[in-house]
Amino acid sequence: MTALWIAHVTVTDPDAYGLYAKAAGPAIAAHGGVFLARASRYHVLEGADRARHVVARFPSLDAAVACYHSSEYQAALAHAKGASERDLVIVEETPPPSE
């Protein structure tokens, strides 16, 4: 089953975070990740407001977790630490109902 990587982010250092975003994209793509939403329009209905929201689909939960722990993504993530406040969750997608 596919999985969604869902991040809610407040950027505190745009320059450093830009370095993260530039390096994270290729690392995510290398693990089969495809961006579904990235800093798009949004509306918070409940919970904390974070100005940036990212959703990527991966071929599986294992692929998404492997991406996060990969050396390429961890190198990118080093730029985001101290440059953002982030919440990140990976959740397996529910298959569509059979027709």
PDB file of N, CA and C in Angstrom:
ATOM      1  N   MET A   1       0.834  -1.188   0.000  1.00  0.00           N
ATOM      2  CA  MET A   1       0.000   0.000   0.000  1.00  0.00           C
ATOM      3  C   MET A   1       0.875   1.248   0.000  1.00  0.00           C
ATOM      4  N   THR A   2       0.389   2.275  -0.644  1.00  0.00           N
ATOM      5  CA  THR A   2       1.118   3.535  -0.668  1.00  0.00           C
ATOM      6  C   THR A   2       1.028   4.212   0.698  1.00  0.00           C
ATOM      7  N   ALA A   3       1.887   5.193   0.902  1.00  0.00           N
ATOM      8  CA  ALA A   3       1.921   5.913   2.175  1.00  0.00           C
ATOM      9  C   ALA A   3       2.089   7.396   1.900  1.00  0.00           C
ATOM     10  N   LEU A   4       1.555   8.208   2.812  1.00  0.00           N
ATOM     11  CA  LEU A   4       1.667   9.657   2.717  1.00  0.00           C
ATOM     12  C   LEU A   4       2.614  10.174   3.785  1.00  0.00           C
ATOM     13  N   TRP A   5       3.502  11.048   3.370  1.00  0.00           N
ATOM     14  CA  TRP A   5       4.439  11.761   4.240  1.00  0.00           C
ATOM     15  C   TRP A   5       3.798  13.137   4.399  1.00  0.00           C
ATOM     16  N   ILE A   6       3.405  13.494   5.598  1.00  0.00           N
ATOM     17  CA  ILE A   6       2.682  14.737   5.841  1.00  0.00           C
ATOM     18  C   ILE A   6       3.482  15.582   6.825  1.00  0.00           C
ATOM     19  N   ALA A   7       3.889  16.762   6.374  1.00  0.00           N
ATOM     20  CA  ALA A   7       4.690  17.666   7.213  1.00  0.00           C
ATOM     21  C   ALA A   7       3.965  18.996   7.374  1.00  0.00           C
ATOM     22  N   HIS A   8       4.001  19.506   8.579  1.00  0.00           N
ATOM     23  CA  HIS A   8       3.486  20.838   8.894  1.00  0.00           C
ATOM     24  C   HIS A   8       4.671  21.617   9.449  1.00  0.00           C
ATOM     25  N   VAL A   9       4.973  22.760   8.846  1.00  0.00           N
ATOM     26  CA  VAL A   9       6.243  23.436   9.119  1.00  0.00           C
ATOM     27  C   VAL A   9       6.045  24.933   9.337  1.00  0.00           C
ATOM     28  N   THR A  10       6.757  25.461  10.315  1.00  0.00           N
ATOM     29  CA  THR A  10       6.944  26.904  10.467  1.00  0.00           C
ATOM     30  C   THR A  10       8.412  27.170  10.206  1.00  0.00           C
ATOM     31  N   VAL A  11       8.695  27.942   9.179  1.00  0.00           N
ATOM     32  CA  VAL A  11      10.077  28.253   8.809  1.00  0.00           C
ATOM     33  C   VAL A  11      10.541  29.446   9.630  1.00  0.00           C
ATOM     34  N   THR A  12      11.676  29.293  10.308  1.00  0.00           N
ATOM     35  CA  THR A  12      12.231  30.376  11.123  1.00  0.00           C
ATOM     36  C   THR A  12      13.481  30.991  10.501  1.00  0.00           C
ATOM     37  N   ASP A  13      14.102  30.285   9.568  1.00  0.00           N
ATOM     38  CA  ASP A  13      15.276  30.787   8.844  1.00  0.00           C
ATOM     39  C   ASP A  13      15.112  30.407   7.374  1.00  0.00           C
ATOM     40  N   PRO A  14      14.532  31.308   6.568  1.00  0.00           N
ATOM     41  CA  PRO A  14      14.230  30.977   5.170  1.00  0.00           C
ATOM     42  C   PRO A  14      15.450  30.576   4.340  1.00  0.00           C
ATOM     43  N   ASP A  15      16.596  31.177   4.572  1.00  0.00           N
ATOM     44  CA  ASP A  15      17.784  30.842   3.789  1.00  0.00           C
ATOM     45  C   ASP A  15      18.223  29.398   4.049  1.00  0.00           C
ATOM     46  N   ALA A  16      18.343  29.031   5.310  1.00  0.00           N
ATOM     47  CA  ALA A  16      18.745  27.664   5.656  1.00  0.00           C
ATOM     48  C   ALA A  16      17.679  26.670   5.224  1.00  0.00           C
ATOM     49  N   TYR A  17      16.414  27.019   5.385  1.00  0.00           N
ATOM     50  CA  TYR A  17      15.342  26.113   4.998  1.00  0.00           C
ATOM     51  C   TYR A  17      15.318  25.921   3.483  1.00  0.00           C
ATOM     52  N   GLY A  18      15.673  26.949   2.751  1.00  0.00           N
ATOM     53  CA  GLY A  18      15.778  26.827   1.303  1.00  0.00           C
ATOM     54  C   GLY A  18      16.804  25.783   0.890  1.00  0.00           C
ATOM     55  N   LEU A  19      17.917  25.712   1.628  1.00  0.00           N
ATOM     56  CA  LEU A  19      18.925  24.683   1.367  1.00  0.00           C
ATOM     57  C   LEU A  19      18.350  23.296   1.623  1.00  0.00           C
ATOM     58  N   TYR A  20      17.557  23.181   2.696  1.00  0.00           N
ATOM     59  CA  TYR A  20      16.892  21.909   2.987  1.00  0.00           C
ATOM     60  C   TYR A  20      15.970  21.521   1.835  1.00  0.00           C
ATOM     61  N   ALA A  21      15.093  22.437   1.420  1.00  0.00           N
ATOM     62  CA  ALA A  21      14.112  22.129   0.380  1.00  0.00           C
ATOM     63  C   ALA A  21      14.794  21.727  -0.926  1.00  0.00           C
ATOM     64  N   LYS A  22      15.890  22.395  -1.247  1.00  0.00           N
ATOM     65  CA  LYS A  22      16.610  22.094  -2.485  1.00  0.00           C
ATOM     66  C   LYS A  22      17.181  20.671  -2.459  1.00  0.00           C
ATOM     67  N   ALA A  23      17.692  20.234  -1.324  1.00  0.00           N
ATOM     68  CA  ALA A  23      18.294  18.905  -1.206  1.00  0.00           C
ATOM     69  C   ALA A  23      17.261  17.821  -0.897  1.00  0.00           C
ATOM     70  N   ALA A  24      16.191  18.166  -0.208  1.00  0.00           N
ATOM     71  CA  ALA A  24      15.200  17.156   0.191  1.00  0.00           C
ATOM     72  C   ALA A  24      14.420  16.625  -1.007  1.00  0.00           C
ATOM     73  N   GLY A  25      14.098  17.477  -1.955  1.00  0.00           N
ATOM     74  CA  GLY A  25      13.317  17.054  -3.115  1.00  0.00           C
ATOM     75  C   GLY A  25      13.935  15.876  -3.849  1.00  0.00           C
ATOM     76  N   PRO A  26      15.215  15.963  -4.236  1.00  0.00           N
ATOM     77  CA  PRO A  26      15.839  14.819  -4.908  1.00  0.00           C
ATOM     78  C   PRO A  26      15.923  13.568  -4.028  1.00  0.00           C
ATOM     79  N   ALA A  27      16.136  13.731  -2.731  1.00  0.00           N
ATOM     80  CA  ALA A  27      16.185  12.571  -1.832  1.00  0.00           C
ATOM     81  C   ALA A  27      14.827  11.886  -1.773  1.00  0.00           C
ATOM     82  N   ILE A  28      13.782  12.671  -1.718  1.00  0.00           N
ATOM     83  CA  ILE A  28      12.424  12.121  -1.678  1.00  0.00           C
ATOM     84  C   ILE A  28      12.114  11.419  -3.006  1.00  0.00           C
ATOM     85  N   ALA A  29      12.440  12.045  -4.119  1.00  0.00           N
ATOM     86  CA  ALA A  29      12.193  11.448  -5.436  1.00  0.00           C
ATOM     87  C   ALA A  29      12.970  10.141  -5.608  1.00  0.00           C
ATOM     88  N   ALA A  30      14.183  10.083  -5.080  1.00  0.00           N
ATOM     89  CA  ALA A  30      15.013   8.877  -5.204  1.00  0.00           C
ATOM     90  C   ALA A  30      14.380   7.669  -4.508  1.00  0.00           C
ATOM     91  N   HIS A  31      13.486   7.934  -3.559  1.00  0.00           N
ATOM     92  CA  HIS A  31      12.809   6.850  -2.841  1.00  0.00           C
ATOM     93  C   HIS A  31      11.374   6.658  -3.346  1.00  0.00           C
ATOM     94  N   GLY A  32      11.084   7.204  -4.514  1.00  0.00           N
ATOM     95  CA  GLY A  32       9.764   7.015  -5.119  1.00  0.00           C
ATOM     96  C   GLY A  32       8.726   8.006  -4.657  1.00  0.00           C
ATOM     97  N   GLY A  33       9.137   9.030  -3.896  1.00  0.00           N
ATOM     98  CA  GLY A  33       8.187  10.023  -3.402  1.00  0.00           C
ATOM     99  C   GLY A  33       7.782  11.011  -4.484  1.00  0.00           C
ATOM    100  N   VAL A  34       6.498  11.363  -4.478  1.00  0.00           N
ATOM    101  CA  VAL A  34       5.943  12.339  -5.406  1.00  0.00           C
ATOM    102  C   VAL A  34       5.162  13.358  -4.588  1.00  0.00           C
ATOM    103  N   PHE A  35       5.448  14.636  -4.795  1.00  0.00           N
ATOM    104  CA  PHE A  35       4.754  15.680  -4.041  1.00  0.00           C
ATOM    105  C   PHE A  35       3.319  15.833  -4.528  1.00  0.00           C
ATOM    106  N   LEU A  36       2.386  15.832  -3.581  1.00  0.00           N
ATOM    107  CA  LEU A  36       0.976  16.063  -3.873  1.00  0.00           C
ATOM    108  C   LEU A  36       0.581  17.483  -3.494  1.00  0.00           C
ATOM    109  N   ALA A  37       1.209  18.021  -2.463  1.00  0.00           N
ATOM    110  CA  ALA A  37       0.966  19.392  -2.013  1.00  0.00           C
ATOM    111  C   ALA A  37       2.258  19.908  -1.422  1.00  0.00           C
ATOM    112  N   ARG A  38       2.545  21.165  -1.728  1.00  0.00           N
ATOM    113  CA  ARG A  38       3.807  21.741  -1.251  1.00  0.00           C
ATOM    114  C   ARG A  38       3.627  23.248  -1.159  1.00  0.00           C
ATOM    115  N   ALA A  39       3.407  23.732   0.061  1.00  0.00           N
ATOM    116  CA  ALA A  39       3.223  25.165   0.303  1.00  0.00           C
ATOM    117  C   ALA A  39       2.047  25.722  -0.483  1.00  0.00           C
ATOM    118  N   SER A  40       0.995  24.913  -0.632  1.00  0.00           N
ATOM    119  CA  SER A  40      -0.213  25.339  -1.334  1.00  0.00           C
ATOM    120  C   SER A  40      -1.113  26.144  -0.402  1.00  0.00           C
ATOM    121  N   ARG A  41      -2.183  26.656  -0.959  1.00  0.00           N
ATOM    122  CA  ARG A  41      -3.197  27.324  -0.123  1.00  0.00           C
ATOM    123  C   ARG A  41      -3.740  26.312   0.875  1.00  0.00           C
ATOM    124  N   TYR A  42      -4.117  26.793   2.056  1.00  0.00           N
ATOM    125  CA  TYR A  42      -4.635  25.896   3.088  1.00  0.00           C
ATOM    126  C   TYR A  42      -5.564  26.660   4.010  1.00  0.00           C
ATOM    127  N   HIS A  43      -6.290  25.935   4.823  1.00  0.00           N
ATOM    128  CA  HIS A  43      -7.181  26.516   5.829  1.00  0.00           C
ATOM    129  C   HIS A  43      -7.151  25.606   7.048  1.00  0.00           C
ATOM    130  N   VAL A  44      -6.713  26.122   8.191  1.00  0.00           N
ATOM    131  CA  VAL A  44      -6.657  25.339   9.426  1.00  0.00           C
ATOM    132  C   VAL A  44      -8.037  25.331  10.068  1.00  0.00           C
ATOM    133  N   LEU A  45      -8.536  24.146  10.350  1.00  0.00           N
ATOM    134  CA  LEU A  45      -9.824  24.007  11.021  1.00  0.00           C
ATOM    135  C   LEU A  45      -9.657  23.642  12.489  1.00  0.00           C
ATOM    136  N   GLU A  46      -8.579  22.923  12.819  1.00  0.00           N
ATOM    137  CA  GLU A  46      -8.291  22.549  14.201  1.00  0.00           C
ATOM    138  C   GLU A  46      -6.784  22.444  14.369  1.00  0.00           C
ATOM    139  N   GLY A  47      -6.306  22.679  15.572  1.00  0.00           N
ATOM    140  CA  GLY A  47      -4.888  22.490  15.868  1.00  0.00           C
ATOM    141  C   GLY A  47      -4.044  23.715  15.577  1.00  0.00           C
ATOM    142  N   ALA A  48      -2.748  23.514  15.715  1.00  0.00           N
ATOM    143  CA  ALA A  48      -1.781  24.603  15.547  1.00  0.00           C
ATOM    144  C   ALA A  48      -1.676  25.008  14.085  1.00  0.00           C
ATOM    145  N   ASP A  49      -1.485  26.284  13.864  1.00  0.00           N
ATOM    146  CA  ASP A  49      -1.293  26.789  12.508  1.00  0.00           C
ATOM    147  C   ASP A  49       0.196  26.807  12.186  1.00  0.00           C
ATOM    148  N   ARG A  50       0.559  26.142  11.123  1.00  0.00           N
ATOM    149  CA  ARG A  50       1.919  26.184  10.588  1.00  0.00           C
ATOM    150  C   ARG A  50       1.773  26.689   9.157  1.00  0.00           C
ATOM    151  N   ALA A  51       2.658  27.549   8.742  1.00  0.00           N
ATOM    152  CA  ALA A  51       2.494  28.235   7.463  1.00  0.00           C
ATOM    153  C   ALA A  51       2.818  27.382   6.241  1.00  0.00           C
ATOM    154  N   ARG A  52       3.473  26.253   6.412  1.00  0.00           N
ATOM    155  CA  ARG A  52       3.871  25.421   5.271  1.00  0.00           C
ATOM    156  C   ARG A  52       3.417  23.987   5.512  1.00  0.00           C
ATOM    157  N   HIS A  53       2.800  23.409   4.490  1.00  0.00           N
ATOM    158  CA  HIS A  53       2.295  22.038   4.575  1.00  0.00           C
ATOM    159  C   HIS A  53       2.764  21.285   3.342  1.00  0.00           C
ATOM    160  N   VAL A  54       3.278  20.089   3.562  1.00  0.00           N
ATOM    161  CA  VAL A  54       3.808  19.282   2.467  1.00  0.00           C
ATOM    162  C   VAL A  54       3.233  17.878   2.581  1.00  0.00           C
ATOM    163  N   VAL A  55       2.753  17.368   1.452  1.00  0.00           N
ATOM    164  CA  VAL A  55       2.268  15.990   1.389  1.00  0.00           C
ATOM    165  C   VAL A  55       2.956  15.324   0.201  1.00  0.00           C
ATOM    166  N   ALA A  56       3.573  14.189   0.460  1.00  0.00           N
ATOM    167  CA  ALA A  56       4.202  13.401  -0.609  1.00  0.00           C
ATOM    168  C   ALA A  56       3.700  11.970  -0.508  1.00  0.00           C
ATOM    169  N   ARG A  57       3.502  11.345  -1.659  1.00  0.00           N
ATOM    170  CA  ARG A  57       3.089   9.940  -1.690  1.00  0.00           C
ATOM    171  C   ARG A  57       4.303   9.083  -2.017  1.00  0.00           C
ATOM    172  N   PHE A  58       4.441   8.005  -1.282  1.00  0.00           N
ATOM    173  CA  PHE A  58       5.512   7.024  -1.495  1.00  0.00           C
ATOM    174  C   PHE A  58       4.886   5.685  -1.879  1.00  0.00           C
ATOM    175  N   PRO A  59       5.662   4.827  -2.535  1.00  0.00           N
ATOM    176  CA  PRO A  59       5.126   3.521  -2.933  1.00  0.00           C
ATOM    177  C   PRO A  59       4.706   2.644  -1.743  1.00  0.00           C
ATOM    178  N   SER A  60       5.302   2.888  -0.581  1.00  0.00           N
ATOM    179  CA  SER A  60       4.976   2.088   0.609  1.00  0.00           C
ATOM    180  C   SER A  60       5.414   2.839   1.858  1.00  0.00           C
ATOM    181  N   LEU A  61       4.915   2.388   2.986  1.00  0.00           N
ATOM    182  CA  LEU A  61       5.332   2.944   4.273  1.00  0.00           C
ATOM    183  C   LEU A  61       6.827   2.712   4.466  1.00  0.00           C
ATOM    184  N   ASP A  62       7.297   1.528   4.110  1.00  0.00           N
ATOM    185  CA  ASP A  62       8.719   1.217   4.263  1.00  0.00           C
ATOM    186  C   ASP A  62       9.593   2.145   3.420  1.00  0.00           C
ATOM    187  N   ALA A  63       9.150   2.465   2.201  1.00  0.00           N
ATOM    188  CA  ALA A  63       9.923   3.366   1.342  1.00  0.00           C
ATOM    189  C   ALA A  63       9.996   4.761   1.943  1.00  0.00           C
ATOM    190  N   ALA A  64       8.901   5.225   2.522  1.00  0.00           N
ATOM    191  CA  ALA A  64       8.875   6.559   3.134  1.00  0.00           C
ATOM    192  C   ALA A  64       9.794   6.619   4.359  1.00  0.00           C
ATOM    193  N   VAL A  65       9.743   5.585   5.187  1.00  0.00           N
ATOM    194  CA  VAL A  65      10.607   5.533   6.372  1.00  0.00           C
ATOM    195  C   VAL A  65      12.070   5.423   5.944  1.00  0.00           C
ATOM    196  N   ALA A  66      12.347   4.602   4.932  1.00  0.00           N
ATOM    197  CA  ALA A  66      13.722   4.469   4.439  1.00  0.00           C
ATOM    198  C   ALA A  66      14.235   5.803   3.901  1.00  0.00           C
ATOM    199  N   CYS A  67      13.376   6.554   3.234  1.00  0.00           N
ATOM    200  CA  CYS A  67      13.777   7.873   2.743  1.00  0.00           C
ATOM    201  C   CYS A  67      14.201   8.763   3.899  1.00  0.00           C
ATOM    202  N   TYR A  68      13.369   8.813   4.935  1.00  0.00           N
ATOM    203  CA  TYR A  68      13.670   9.671   6.086  1.00  0.00           C
ATOM    204  C   TYR A  68      15.026   9.323   6.683  1.00  0.00           C
ATOM    205  N   HIS A  69      15.336   8.055   6.788  1.00  0.00           N
ATOM    206  CA  HIS A  69      16.582   7.620   7.425  1.00  0.00           C
ATOM    207  C   HIS A  69      17.774   7.566   6.468  1.00  0.00           C
ATOM    208  N   SER A  70      17.550   7.840   5.187  1.00  0.00           N
ATOM    209  CA  SER A  70      18.645   7.779   4.211  1.00  0.00           C
ATOM    210  C   SER A  70      19.673   8.883   4.474  1.00  0.00           C
ATOM    211  N   SER A  71      20.892   8.615   4.072  1.00  0.00           N
ATOM    212  CA  SER A  71      21.960   9.609   4.264  1.00  0.00           C
ATOM    213  C   SER A  71      21.665  10.880   3.473  1.00  0.00           C
ATOM    214  N   GLU A  72      21.055  10.749   2.289  1.00  0.00           N
ATOM    215  CA  GLU A  72      20.742  11.938   1.478  1.00  0.00           C
ATOM    216  C   GLU A  72      19.718  12.826   2.178  1.00  0.00           C
ATOM    217  N   TYR A  73      18.655  12.209   2.707  1.00  0.00           N
ATOM    218  CA  TYR A  73      17.641  13.017   3.372  1.00  0.00           C
ATOM    219  C   TYR A  73      18.167  13.586   4.688  1.00  0.00           C
ATOM    220  N   GLN A  74      18.926  12.821   5.422  1.00  0.00           N
ATOM    221  CA  GLN A  74      19.477  13.314   6.687  1.00  0.00           C
ATOM    222  C   GLN A  74      20.416  14.489   6.446  1.00  0.00           C
ATOM    223  N   ALA A  75      21.165  14.467   5.339  1.00  0.00           N
ATOM    224  CA  ALA A  75      22.024  15.609   4.999  1.00  0.00           C
ATOM    225  C   ALA A  75      21.166  16.837   4.719  1.00  0.00           C
ATOM    226  N   ALA A  76      20.060  16.655   4.016  1.00  0.00           N
ATOM    227  CA  ALA A  76      19.144  17.772   3.755  1.00  0.00           C
ATOM    228  C   ALA A  76      18.530  18.267   5.064  1.00  0.00           C
ATOM    229  N   LEU A  77      18.105  17.329   5.901  1.00  0.00           N
ATOM    230  CA  LEU A  77      17.439  17.663   7.160  1.00  0.00           C
ATOM    231  C   LEU A  77      18.330  18.486   8.083  1.00  0.00           C
ATOM    232  N   ALA A  78      19.618  18.317   7.984  1.00  0.00           N
ATOM    233  CA  ALA A  78      20.541  19.104   8.813  1.00  0.00           C
ATOM    234  C   ALA A  78      20.327  20.603   8.599  1.00  0.00           C
ATOM    235  N   HIS A  79      19.910  21.000   7.399  1.00  0.00           N
ATOM    236  CA  HIS A  79      19.643  22.422   7.122  1.00  0.00           C
ATOM    237  C   HIS A  79      18.339  22.888   7.761  1.00  0.00           C
ATOM    238  N   ALA A  80      17.370  21.987   7.915  1.00  0.00           N
ATOM    239  CA  ALA A  80      16.069  22.357   8.475  1.00  0.00           C
ATOM    240  C   ALA A  80      16.106  22.470   9.992  1.00  0.00           C
ATOM    241  N   LYS A  81      16.986  21.698  10.626  1.00  0.00           N
ATOM    242  CA  LYS A  81      17.073  21.750  12.087  1.00  0.00           C
ATOM    243  C   LYS A  81      17.609  23.116  12.497  1.00  0.00           C
ATOM    244  N   GLY A  82      16.896  23.774  13.375  1.00  0.00           N
ATOM    245  CA  GLY A  82      17.265  25.121  13.781  1.00  0.00           C
ATOM    246  C   GLY A  82      16.723  26.184  12.828  1.00  0.00           C
ATOM    247  N   ALA A  83      16.194  25.762  11.687  1.00  0.00           N
ATOM    248  CA  ALA A  83      15.643  26.702  10.711  1.00  0.00           C
ATOM    249  C   ALA A  83      14.133  26.554  10.589  1.00  0.00           C
ATOM    250  N   SER A  84      13.570  25.637  11.389  1.00  0.00           N
ATOM    251  CA  SER A  84      12.130  25.398  11.296  1.00  0.00           C
ATOM    252  C   SER A  84      11.633  24.653  12.528  1.00  0.00           C
ATOM    253  N   GLU A  85      10.326  24.754  12.718  1.00  0.00           N
ATOM    254  CA  GLU A  85       9.623  23.914  13.686  1.00  0.00           C
ATOM    255  C   GLU A  85       8.743  23.011  12.835  1.00  0.00           C
ATOM    256  N   ARG A  86       8.865  21.692  13.027  1.00  0.00           N
ATOM    257  CA  ARG A  86       8.207  20.756  12.125  1.00  0.00           C
ATOM    258  C   ARG A  86       7.474  19.659  12.874  1.00  0.00           C
ATOM    259  N   ASP A  87       6.388  19.238  12.294  1.00  0.00           N
ATOM    260  CA  ASP A  87       5.701  18.008  12.678  1.00  0.00           C
ATOM    261  C   ASP A  87       5.685  17.160  11.416  1.00  0.00           C
ATOM    262  N   LEU A  88       6.069  15.906  11.530  1.00  0.00           N
ATOM    263  CA  LEU A  88       6.109  15.020  10.372  1.00  0.00           C
ATOM    264  C   LEU A  88       5.528  13.676  10.765  1.00  0.00           C
ATOM    265  N   VAL A  89       4.629  13.181   9.942  1.00  0.00           N
ATOM    266  CA  VAL A  89       4.042  11.865  10.159  1.00  0.00           C
ATOM    267  C   VAL A  89       3.994  11.148   8.812  1.00  0.00           C
ATOM    268  N   ILE A  90       4.170   9.845   8.858  1.00  0.00           N
ATOM    269  CA  ILE A  90       4.015   9.010   7.672  1.00  0.00           C
ATOM    270  C   ILE A  90       2.865   8.061   7.973  1.00  0.00           C
ATOM    271  N   VAL A  91       1.895   8.029   7.084  1.00  0.00           N
ATOM    272  CA  VAL A  91       0.703   7.211   7.318  1.00  0.00           C
ATOM    273  C   VAL A  91       0.374   6.427   6.049  1.00  0.00           C
ATOM    274  N   GLU A  92       0.060   5.151   6.264  1.00  0.00           N
ATOM    275  CA  GLU A  92      -0.309   4.298   5.149  1.00  0.00           C
ATOM    276  C   GLU A  92      -1.670   4.727   4.613  1.00  0.00           C
ATOM    277  N   GLU A  93      -1.789   4.774   3.290  1.00  0.00           N
ATOM    278  CA  GLU A  93      -3.072   5.156   2.682  1.00  0.00           C
ATOM    279  C   GLU A  93      -4.076   4.034   2.775  1.00  0.00           C
ATOM    280  N   THR A  94      -5.318   4.406   2.888  1.00  0.00           N
ATOM    281  CA  THR A  94      -6.410   3.450   2.856  1.00  0.00           C
ATOM    282  C   THR A  94      -6.710   3.144   1.395  1.00  0.00           C
ATOM    283  N   PRO A  95      -6.805   1.882   1.044  1.00  0.00           N
ATOM    284  CA  PRO A  95      -7.111   1.585  -0.352  1.00  0.00           C
ATOM    285  C   PRO A  95      -8.502   2.067  -0.725  1.00  0.00           C
ATOM    286  N   PRO A  96      -8.696   2.449  -1.976  1.00  0.00           N
ATOM    287  CA  PRO A  96     -10.033   2.873  -2.373  1.00  0.00           C
ATOM    288  C   PRO A  96     -11.018   1.699  -2.286  1.00  0.00           C
ATOM    289  N   PRO A  97     -12.273   1.987  -2.038  1.00  0.00           N
ATOM    290  CA  PRO A  97     -13.251   0.878  -1.964  1.00  0.00           C
ATOM    291  C   PRO A  97     -13.363   0.200  -3.332  1.00  0.00           C
ATOM    292  N   SER A  98     -13.532  -1.092  -3.302  1.00  0.00           N
ATOM    293  CA  SER A  98     -13.693  -1.801  -4.566  1.00  0.00           C
ATOM    294  C   SER A  98     -15.084  -1.525  -5.113  1.00  0.00           C
ATOM    295  N   GLU A  99     -15.134  -1.442  -6.404  1.00  0.00           N
ATOM    296  CA  GLU A  99     -16.433  -1.116  -7.015  1.00  0.00           C
ATOM    297  C   GLU A  99     -17.153  -2.323  -7.513  1.00  0.00           C
TER     298      GLU A  99
END
